[in-house]
């Protein structure tokens, strides 16, 4: 991980960005490492790194909906909150994905929930059975 843009700074920017989206009624529903870019900005002879969230293809706008809960199985399996699998969820599904992203940043890209297929990954997440890498895995 880039020392200039450490874990704490990445997570702070992600949490703030997701809060701003949620304040506007926007639920991303597919937050994952692949949908986060780092942009270097040159200011006053210094380089500042900032994150950019991309790929809003699965977003939902809760402001435009009468009912605040969402439905439909959407997202990337390793990042999907158990509530999405059960069929009724809200913007907190993005918070779950932020937790998976934080886990990945700490574990050098490992996924917390594993399985041979999507159904097993969903069951693992629902049970809260997550993978803890050993020293030998790193």
Protein backbone atom coordinates (compact mmCIF):
# COMPACT_ATOMS: atom_id res chain seq x y z
CA UNK A 1 0.00 0.00 0.00
CA UNK A 2 1.26 3.48 -0.86
CA UNK A 3 2.69 5.06 2.32
CA UNK A 4 1.48 8.49 1.21
CA UNK A 5 -2.09 7.23 1.08
CA UNK A 6 -2.25 4.87 4.04
CA UNK A 7 -5.07 2.74 5.33
CA UNK A 8 -6.46 5.38 7.67
CA UNK A 9 -6.61 8.06 4.97
CA UNK A 10 -8.20 5.72 2.42
CA UNK A 11 -10.88 4.58 4.86
CA UNK A 12 -11.58 8.13 6.07
CA UNK A 13 -12.09 9.30 2.47
CA UNK A 14 -14.24 6.27 1.61
CA UNK A 15 -16.44 6.66 4.68
CA UNK A 16 -16.91 10.37 4.02
CA UNK A 17 -17.69 9.74 0.34
CA UNK A 18 -20.24 7.06 1.16
CA UNK A 19 -21.83 9.32 3.80
CA UNK A 20 -22.20 12.09 1.19
CA UNK A 21 -23.78 9.64 -1.28
CA UNK A 22 -26.19 8.36 1.37
CA UNK A 23 -27.10 11.93 2.40
CA UNK A 24 -28.16 12.45 -1.22
CA UNK A 25 -30.16 9.20 -1.22
CA UNK A 26 -27.65 7.35 -3.41
CA UNK A 27 -26.83 3.71 -2.60
CA UNK A 28 -23.86 2.42 -4.64
CA UNK A 29 -24.56 -1.32 -4.14
CA UNK A 30 -21.27 -2.42 -5.73
CA UNK A 31 -18.49 -0.90 -3.63
CA UNK A 32 -15.30 -2.92 -4.03
CA UNK A 33 -11.59 -2.32 -4.47
CA UNK A 34 -11.98 -2.45 -8.25
CA UNK A 35 -14.34 0.53 -8.06
CA UNK A 36 -11.94 2.77 -6.14
CA UNK A 37 -9.30 4.79 -7.94
CA UNK A 38 -6.49 6.86 -6.48
CA UNK A 39 -5.90 10.22 -8.10
CA UNK A 40 -2.72 12.20 -7.50
CA UNK A 41 -3.31 15.95 -7.42
CA UNK A 42 -0.42 18.42 -7.63
CA UNK A 43 -0.90 21.36 -5.23
CA UNK A 44 1.74 23.82 -4.09
CA UNK A 45 4.66 21.64 -5.22
CA UNK A 46 3.19 18.67 -3.30
CA UNK A 47 1.34 15.63 -4.46
CA UNK A 48 -1.89 14.85 -2.65
CA UNK A 49 -3.60 11.52 -3.22
CA UNK A 50 -7.37 11.28 -3.18
CA UNK A 51 -9.74 8.40 -3.79
CA UNK A 52 -12.44 8.35 -6.44
CA UNK A 53 -15.40 5.97 -6.35
CA UNK A 54 -16.43 4.80 -9.82
CA UNK A 55 -18.96 2.53 -11.57
CA UNK A 56 -22.36 3.77 -10.53
CA UNK A 57 -24.15 1.29 -12.81
CA UNK A 58 -25.96 -0.51 -9.97
CA UNK A 59 -26.80 2.53 -7.86
CA UNK A 60 -30.24 3.17 -6.50
CA UNK A 61 -31.70 6.51 -5.48
CA UNK A 62 -33.75 6.13 -2.32
CA UNK A 63 -35.04 9.72 -2.54
CA UNK A 64 -37.02 8.82 -5.66
CA UNK A 65 -38.55 5.72 -4.05
CA UNK A 66 -41.62 5.75 -1.84
CA UNK A 67 -40.29 2.79 0.10
CA UNK A 68 -36.78 3.25 1.51
CA UNK A 69 -35.88 -0.45 1.39
CA UNK A 70 -34.32 -1.89 -1.76
CA UNK A 71 -34.55 -5.33 -3.33
CA UNK A 72 -32.82 -7.39 -5.97
CA UNK A 73 -29.65 -9.44 -5.77
CA UNK A 74 -27.01 -7.00 -7.05
CA UNK A 75 -23.31 -6.51 -6.48
CA UNK A 76 -20.15 -8.57 -6.40
CA UNK A 77 -20.49 -11.77 -4.33
CA UNK A 78 -17.57 -11.23 -1.93
CA UNK A 79 -18.85 -7.74 -1.03
CA UNK A 80 -22.60 -8.41 -0.79
CA UNK A 81 -24.20 -7.86 2.60
CA UNK A 82 -26.37 -10.72 3.92
CA UNK A 83 -29.39 -8.39 3.76
CA UNK A 84 -29.03 -8.15 -0.01
CA UNK A 85 -29.15 -11.93 -0.28
CA UNK A 86 -32.25 -12.05 1.92
CA UNK A 87 -33.94 -9.64 -0.49
CA UNK A 88 -34.71 -6.50 1.53
CA UNK A 89 -32.01 -4.00 2.44
CA UNK A 90 -31.10 -0.33 2.59
CA UNK A 91 -28.03 1.92 2.26
CA UNK A 92 -26.25 0.04 5.04
CA UNK A 93 -25.25 -2.55 2.44
CA UNK A 94 -22.56 -0.04 1.39
CA UNK A 95 -21.25 0.04 4.98
CA UNK A 96 -20.87 -3.76 4.87
CA UNK A 97 -18.84 -3.41 1.65
CA UNK A 98 -16.60 -0.82 3.36
CA UNK A 99 -15.90 -3.41 6.06
CA UNK A 100 -14.89 -5.96 3.41
CA UNK A 101 -12.64 -3.34 1.78
CA UNK A 102 -11.02 -2.53 5.14
CA UNK A 103 -10.42 -6.25 5.72
CA UNK A 104 -8.83 -6.56 2.28
CA UNK A 105 -6.53 -3.60 2.87
CA UNK A 106 -5.37 -5.13 6.15
CA UNK A 107 -4.97 -8.65 4.79
CA UNK A 108 -3.20 -7.79 1.53
CA UNK A 109 -6.20 -8.48 -0.71
CA UNK A 110 -7.75 -11.53 0.96
CA UNK A 111 -11.53 -11.83 1.08
CA UNK A 112 -13.06 -12.28 4.55
CA UNK A 113 -15.80 -14.65 3.36
CA UNK A 114 -14.95 -17.63 1.22
CA UNK A 115 -16.65 -20.41 -0.63
CA UNK A 116 -16.34 -22.57 -3.73
CA UNK A 117 -19.29 -20.74 -5.31
CA UNK A 118 -21.54 -17.73 -4.75
CA UNK A 119 -24.02 -19.60 -2.57
CA UNK A 120 -21.25 -20.76 -0.22
CA UNK A 121 -19.83 -17.22 -0.04
CA UNK A 122 -23.30 -15.88 0.88
CA UNK A 123 -23.74 -18.58 3.55
CA UNK A 124 -20.30 -17.81 4.99
CA UNK A 125 -21.15 -14.10 5.21
CA UNK A 126 -24.57 -14.76 6.70
CA UNK A 127 -23.05 -16.95 9.43
CA UNK A 128 -20.31 -14.37 10.05
CA UNK A 129 -17.73 -17.07 9.39
CA UNK A 130 -14.75 -15.15 8.08
CA UNK A 131 -11.28 -16.22 7.05
CA UNK A 132 -8.35 -15.18 9.21
CA UNK A 133 -5.05 -15.41 7.31
CA UNK A 134 -2.19 -17.03 9.15
CA UNK A 135 1.40 -15.84 8.99
CA UNK A 136 2.04 -18.62 6.47
CA UNK A 137 -0.62 -17.16 4.12
CA UNK A 138 1.22 -13.85 3.84
